[in-house]
């Protein structure tokens, strides 16, 4: 069971990392392209994902 949880955590880590990088790149590209509203929305979404990820990791650490 523990191994399964670790595999799921590794998958989630990869997904969140990819989403974070993609949103960051898209926000930067939008900013350079002059679309400040889109850039801000993408950055806001990126921050929400990362905040949720930090909360998840904190709760996960407390359970161990």
PDB file of N, CA and C in Angstrom:
ATOM      1  N   UNK A   1       0.827  -1.203   0.000  1.00  0.00           N
ATOM      2  CA  UNK A   1       0.000   0.000   0.000  1.00  0.00           C
ATOM      3  C   UNK A   1       0.867   1.261   0.000  1.00  0.00           C
ATOM      4  N   UNK A   2       1.887   1.284   0.838  1.00  0.00           N
ATOM      5  CA  UNK A   2       2.772   2.458   0.916  1.00  0.00           C
ATOM      6  C   UNK A   2       3.458   2.718  -0.420  1.00  0.00           C
ATOM      7  N   UNK A   3       3.864   1.658  -1.114  1.00  0.00           N
ATOM      8  CA  UNK A   3       4.511   1.809  -2.413  1.00  0.00           C
ATOM      9  C   UNK A   3       3.555   2.454  -3.413  1.00  0.00           C
ATOM     10  N   UNK A   4       2.296   2.054  -3.358  1.00  0.00           N
ATOM     11  CA  UNK A   4       1.281   2.630  -4.238  1.00  0.00           C
ATOM     12  C   UNK A   4       1.119   4.122  -3.975  1.00  0.00           C
ATOM     13  N   UNK A   5       1.125   4.506  -2.692  1.00  0.00           N
ATOM     14  CA  UNK A   5       1.023   5.925  -2.338  1.00  0.00           C
ATOM     15  C   UNK A   5       2.220   6.698  -2.860  1.00  0.00           C
ATOM     16  N   UNK A   6       3.403   6.112  -2.753  1.00  0.00           N
ATOM     17  CA  UNK A   6       4.605   6.780  -3.258  1.00  0.00           C
ATOM     18  C   UNK A   6       4.542   6.952  -4.770  1.00  0.00           C
ATOM     19  N   UNK A   7       4.031   5.935  -5.466  1.00  0.00           N
ATOM     20  CA  UNK A   7       3.910   6.036  -6.922  1.00  0.00           C
ATOM     21  C   UNK A   7       2.923   7.128  -7.311  1.00  0.00           C
ATOM     22  N   UNK A   8       1.821   7.215  -6.579  1.00  0.00           N
ATOM     23  CA  UNK A   8       0.834   8.264  -6.843  1.00  0.00           C
ATOM     24  C   UNK A   8       1.437   9.632  -6.560  1.00  0.00           C
ATOM     25  N   UNK A   9       2.191   9.728  -5.466  1.00  0.00           N
ATOM     26  CA  UNK A   9       2.831  11.001  -5.137  1.00  0.00           C
ATOM     27  C   UNK A   9       3.837  11.401  -6.217  1.00  0.00           C
ATOM     28  N   UNK A  10       4.591  10.443  -6.729  1.00  0.00           N
ATOM     29  CA  UNK A  10       5.546  10.742  -7.804  1.00  0.00           C
ATOM     30  C   UNK A  10       4.817  11.232  -9.050  1.00  0.00           C
ATOM     31  N   UNK A  11       3.687  10.606  -9.361  1.00  0.00           N
ATOM     32  CA  UNK A  11       2.890  11.035 -10.509  1.00  0.00           C
ATOM     33  C   UNK A  11       2.381  12.453 -10.298  1.00  0.00           C
ATOM     34  N   UNK A  12       1.834  12.714  -9.123  1.00  0.00           N
ATOM     35  CA  UNK A  12       1.339  14.062  -8.821  1.00  0.00           C
ATOM     36  C   UNK A  12       2.464  15.091  -8.879  1.00  0.00           C
ATOM     37  N   UNK A  13       3.627  14.734  -8.388  1.00  0.00           N
ATOM     38  CA  UNK A  13       4.782  15.631  -8.430  1.00  0.00           C
ATOM     39  C   UNK A  13       5.128  15.994  -9.876  1.00  0.00           C
ATOM     40  N   UNK A  14       5.128  14.997 -10.746  1.00  0.00           N
ATOM     41  CA  UNK A  14       5.431  15.238 -12.158  1.00  0.00           C
ATOM     42  C   UNK A  14       4.372  16.122 -12.813  1.00  0.00           C
ATOM     43  N   UNK A  15       3.110  15.852 -12.513  1.00  0.00           N
ATOM     44  CA  UNK A  15       2.015  16.630 -13.101  1.00  0.00           C
ATOM     45  C   UNK A  15       2.070  18.078 -12.632  1.00  0.00           C
ATOM     46  N   UNK A  16       2.207  18.272 -11.329  1.00  0.00           N
ATOM     47  CA  UNK A  16       2.233  19.636 -10.787  1.00  0.00           C
ATOM     48  C   UNK A  16       3.454  20.394 -11.316  1.00  0.00           C
ATOM     49  N   UNK A  17       4.591  19.726 -11.390  1.00  0.00           N
ATOM     50  CA  UNK A  17       5.792  20.367 -11.925  1.00  0.00           C
ATOM     51  C   UNK A  17       5.603  20.803 -13.369  1.00  0.00           C
ATOM     52  N   UNK A  18       4.983  19.938 -14.150  1.00  0.00           N
ATOM     53  CA  UNK A  18       4.739  20.258 -15.552  1.00  0.00           C
ATOM     54  C   UNK A  18       3.757  21.422 -15.697  1.00  0.00           C
ATOM     55  N   UNK A  19       2.686  21.389 -14.916  1.00  0.00           N
ATOM     56  CA  UNK A  19       1.707  22.476 -14.956  1.00  0.00           C
ATOM     57  C   UNK A  19       2.367  23.795 -14.542  1.00  0.00           C
ATOM     58  N   UNK A  20       3.153  23.746 -13.480  1.00  0.00           N
ATOM     59  CA  UNK A  20       3.843  24.945 -13.003  1.00  0.00           C
ATOM     60  C   UNK A  20       4.736  25.530 -14.098  1.00  0.00           C
ATOM     61  N   UNK A  21       5.552  24.697 -14.701  1.00  0.00           N
ATOM     62  CA  UNK A  21       6.470  25.174 -15.744  1.00  0.00           C
ATOM     63  C   UNK A  21       5.717  25.715 -16.953  1.00  0.00           C
ATOM     64  N   UNK A  22       4.658  25.007 -17.361  1.00  0.00           N
ATOM     65  CA  UNK A  22       3.889  25.434 -18.531  1.00  0.00           C
ATOM     66  C   UNK A  22       3.192  26.768 -18.282  1.00  0.00           C
ATOM     67  N   UNK A  23       2.549  26.896 -17.123  1.00  0.00           N
ATOM     68  CA  UNK A  23       1.876  28.161 -16.813  1.00  0.00           C
ATOM     69  C   UNK A  23       2.874  29.307 -16.711  1.00  0.00           C
ATOM     70  N   UNK A  24       4.036  29.036 -16.133  1.00  0.00           N
ATOM     71  CA  UNK A  24       5.073  30.070 -16.029  1.00  0.00           C
ATOM     72  C   UNK A  24       5.506  30.524 -17.429  1.00  0.00           C
ATOM     73  N   UNK A  25       5.794  29.554 -18.301  1.00  0.00           N
ATOM     74  CA  UNK A  25       6.238  29.878 -19.653  1.00  0.00           C
ATOM     75  C   UNK A  25       5.168  30.640 -20.432  1.00  0.00           C
ATOM     76  N   UNK A  26       3.920  30.182 -20.316  1.00  0.00           N
ATOM     77  CA  UNK A  26       2.827  30.853 -21.022  1.00  0.00           C
ATOM     78  C   UNK A  26       2.613  32.275 -20.504  1.00  0.00           C
ATOM     79  N   UNK A  27       2.726  32.453 -19.189  1.00  0.00           N
ATOM     80  CA  UNK A  27       2.579  33.792 -18.619  1.00  0.00           C
ATOM     81  C   UNK A  27       3.693  34.713 -19.118  1.00  0.00           C
ATOM     82  N   UNK A  28       4.916  34.214 -19.130  1.00  0.00           N
ATOM     83  CA  UNK A  28       6.045  35.021 -19.595  1.00  0.00           C
ATOM     84  C   UNK A  28       5.886  35.370 -21.075  1.00  0.00           C
ATOM     85  N   UNK A  29       5.455  34.396 -21.861  1.00  0.00           N
ATOM     86  CA  UNK A  29       5.257  34.631 -23.291  1.00  0.00           C
ATOM     87  C   UNK A  29       4.133  35.647 -23.528  1.00  0.00           C
ATOM     88  N   UNK A  30       3.069  35.537 -22.765  1.00  0.00           N
ATOM     89  CA  UNK A  30       1.960  36.499 -22.889  1.00  0.00           C
ATOM     90  C   UNK A  30       2.412  37.898 -22.506  1.00  0.00           C
ATOM     91  N   UNK A  31       3.194  37.987 -21.454  1.00  0.00           N
ATOM     92  CA  UNK A  31       3.719  39.283 -21.002  1.00  0.00           C
ATOM     93  C   UNK A  31       4.572  39.920 -22.104  1.00  0.00           C
ATOM     94  N   UNK A  32       5.456  39.119 -22.680  1.00  0.00           N
ATOM     95  CA  UNK A  32       6.310  39.633 -23.770  1.00  0.00           C
ATOM     96  C   UNK A  32       5.488  40.028 -24.986  1.00  0.00           C
ATOM     97  N   UNK A  33       4.379  39.307 -25.202  1.00  0.00           N
ATOM     98  CA  UNK A  33       3.519  39.593 -26.355  1.00  0.00           C
ATOM     99  C   UNK A  33       2.562  40.744 -26.121  1.00  0.00           C
ATOM    100  N   UNK A  34       2.611  41.323 -24.934  1.00  0.00           N
ATOM    101  CA  UNK A  34       1.786  42.482 -24.655  1.00  0.00           C
ATOM    102  C   UNK A  34       0.414  42.153 -24.082  1.00  0.00           C
ATOM    103  N   UNK A  35       0.164  40.900 -23.792  1.00  0.00           N
ATOM    104  CA  UNK A  35      -1.136  40.509 -23.238  1.00  0.00           C
ATOM    105  C   UNK A  35      -1.019  40.385 -21.720  1.00  0.00           C
ATOM    106  N   UNK A  36      -1.047  41.537 -21.071  1.00  0.00           N
ATOM    107  CA  UNK A  36      -0.828  41.566 -19.622  1.00  0.00           C
ATOM    108  C   UNK A  36      -1.957  40.902 -18.842  1.00  0.00           C
ATOM    109  N   UNK A  37      -3.185  41.015 -19.299  1.00  0.00           N
ATOM    110  CA  UNK A  37      -4.318  40.402 -18.602  1.00  0.00           C
ATOM    111  C   UNK A  37      -4.170  38.878 -18.616  1.00  0.00           C
ATOM    112  N   UNK A  38      -3.869  38.327 -19.779  1.00  0.00           N
ATOM    113  CA  UNK A  38      -3.670  36.876 -19.880  1.00  0.00           C
ATOM    114  C   UNK A  38      -2.490  36.444 -19.026  1.00  0.00           C
ATOM    115  N   UNK A  39      -1.413  37.199 -19.061  1.00  0.00           N
ATOM    116  CA  UNK A  39      -0.228  36.867 -18.269  1.00  0.00           C
ATOM    117  C   UNK A  39      -0.566  36.835 -16.783  1.00  0.00           C
ATOM    118  N   UNK A  40      -1.343  37.806 -16.322  1.00  0.00           N
ATOM    119  CA  UNK A  40      -1.712  37.854 -14.907  1.00  0.00           C
ATOM    120  C   UNK A  40      -2.617  36.688 -14.537  1.00  0.00           C
ATOM    121  N   UNK A  41      -3.539  36.333 -15.403  1.00  0.00           N
ATOM    122  CA  UNK A  41      -4.425  35.196 -15.144  1.00  0.00           C
ATOM    123  C   UNK A  41      -3.640  33.894 -15.068  1.00  0.00           C
ATOM    124  N   UNK A  42      -2.709  33.722 -15.983  1.00  0.00           N
ATOM    125  CA  UNK A  42      -1.886  32.507 -15.978  1.00  0.00           C
ATOM    126  C   UNK A  42      -1.024  32.438 -14.721  1.00  0.00           C
ATOM    127  N   UNK A  43      -0.446  33.552 -14.339  1.00  0.00           N
ATOM    128  CA  UNK A  43       0.388  33.586 -13.134  1.00  0.00           C
ATOM    129  C   UNK A  43      -0.454  33.333 -11.889  1.00  0.00           C
ATOM    130  N   UNK A  44      -1.660  33.883 -11.854  1.00  0.00           N
ATOM    131  CA  UNK A  44      -2.567  33.646 -10.728  1.00  0.00           C
ATOM    132  C   UNK A  44      -2.907  32.152 -10.631  1.00  0.00           C
ATOM    133  N   UNK A  45      -3.204  31.540 -11.766  1.00  0.00           N
ATOM    134  CA  UNK A  45      -3.505  30.106 -11.779  1.00  0.00           C
ATOM    135  C   UNK A  45      -2.302  29.291 -11.328  1.00  0.00           C
ATOM    136  N   UNK A  46      -1.130  29.675 -11.785  1.00  0.00           N
ATOM    137  CA  UNK A  46       0.100  28.971 -11.387  1.00  0.00           C
ATOM    138  C   UNK A  46       0.292  29.064  -9.877  1.00  0.00           C
ATOM    139  N   UNK A  47       0.083  30.230  -9.327  1.00  0.00           N
ATOM    140  CA  UNK A  47       0.252  30.410  -7.885  1.00  0.00           C
ATOM    141  C   UNK A  47      -0.771  29.604  -7.095  1.00  0.00           C
ATOM    142  N   UNK A  48      -2.009  29.531  -7.581  1.00  0.00           N
ATOM    143  CA  UNK A  48      -3.042  28.738  -6.900  1.00  0.00           C
ATOM    144  C   UNK A  48      -2.666  27.265  -6.891  1.00  0.00           C
ATOM    145  N   UNK A  49      -2.184  26.761  -8.023  1.00  0.00           N
ATOM    146  CA  UNK A  49      -1.761  25.362  -8.102  1.00  0.00           C
ATOM    147  C   UNK A  49      -0.623  25.103  -7.124  1.00  0.00           C
ATOM    148  N   UNK A  50       0.357  25.992  -7.101  1.00  0.00           N
ATOM    149  CA  UNK A  50       1.516  25.778  -6.235  1.00  0.00           C
ATOM    150  C   UNK A  50       1.154  25.907  -4.756  1.00  0.00           C
ATOM    151  N   UNK A  51       0.239  26.799  -4.421  1.00  0.00           N
ATOM    152  CA  UNK A  51      -0.209  26.924  -3.034  1.00  0.00           C
ATOM    153  C   UNK A  51      -0.933  25.652  -2.600  1.00  0.00           C
ATOM    154  N   UNK A  52      -1.806  25.147  -3.462  1.00  0.00           N
ATOM    155  CA  UNK A  52      -2.513  23.900  -3.147  1.00  0.00           C
ATOM    156  C   UNK A  52      -1.533  22.744  -3.005  1.00  0.00           C
ATOM    157  N   UNK A  53      -0.506  22.725  -3.826  1.00  0.00           N
ATOM    158  CA  UNK A  53       0.511  21.675  -3.765  1.00  0.00           C
ATOM    159  C   UNK A  53       1.284  21.750  -2.446  1.00  0.00           C
ATOM    160  N   UNK A  54       1.612  22.944  -2.021  1.00  0.00           N
ATOM    161  CA  UNK A  54       2.313  23.117  -0.744  1.00  0.00           C
ATOM    162  C   UNK A  54       1.451  22.643   0.419  1.00  0.00           C
ATOM    163  N   UNK A  55       0.163  22.974   0.388  1.00  0.00           N
ATOM    164  CA  UNK A  55      -0.757  22.538   1.448  1.00  0.00           C
ATOM    165  C   UNK A  55      -0.846  21.012   1.455  1.00  0.00           C
ATOM    166  N   UNK A  56      -0.985  20.427   0.283  1.00  0.00           N
ATOM    167  CA  UNK A  56      -1.037  18.961   0.168  1.00  0.00           C
ATOM    168  C   UNK A  56       0.226  18.334   0.763  1.00  0.00           C
ATOM    169  N   UNK A  57       1.379  18.872   0.412  1.00  0.00           N
ATOM    170  CA  UNK A  57       2.639  18.312   0.912  1.00  0.00           C
ATOM    171  C   UNK A  57       2.771  18.466   2.430  1.00  0.00           C
ATOM    172  N   UNK A  58       2.305  19.576   2.966  1.00  0.00           N
ATOM    173  CA  UNK A  58       2.337  19.774   4.418  1.00  0.00           C
ATOM    174  C   UNK A  58       1.454  18.751   5.120  1.00  0.00           C
ATOM    175  N   UNK A  59       0.242  18.560   4.609  1.00  0.00           N
ATOM    176  CA  UNK A  59      -0.667  17.591   5.212  1.00  0.00           C
ATOM    177  C   UNK A  59      -0.128  16.183   5.074  1.00  0.00           C
ATOM    178  N   UNK A  60       0.492  15.891   3.949  1.00  0.00           N
ATOM    179  CA  UNK A  60       1.089  14.570   3.722  1.00  0.00           C
ATOM    180  C   UNK A  60       2.211  14.324   4.727  1.00  0.00           C
ATOM    181  N   UNK A  61       3.028  15.340   4.975  1.00  0.00           N
ATOM    182  CA  UNK A  61       4.141  15.215   5.922  1.00  0.00           C
ATOM    183  C   UNK A  61       3.637  15.024   7.342  1.00  0.00           C
ATOM    184  N   UNK A  62       2.524  15.661   7.690  1.00  0.00           N
ATOM    185  CA  UNK A  62       1.961  15.525   9.030  1.00  0.00           C
ATOM    186  C   UNK A  62       1.434  14.122   9.285  1.00  0.00           C
ATOM    187  N   UNK A  63       0.981  13.447   8.236  1.00  0.00           N
ATOM    188  CA  UNK A  63       0.437  12.094   8.386  1.00  0.00           C
ATOM    189  C   UNK A  63       1.519  11.050   8.599  1.00  0.00           C
ATOM    190  N   UNK A  64       2.740  11.351   8.198  1.00  0.00           N
ATOM    191  CA  UNK A  64       3.833  10.364   8.318  1.00  0.00           C
ATOM    192  C   UNK A  64       4.331  10.239   9.718  1.00  0.00           C
TER     193      UNK A  64
END
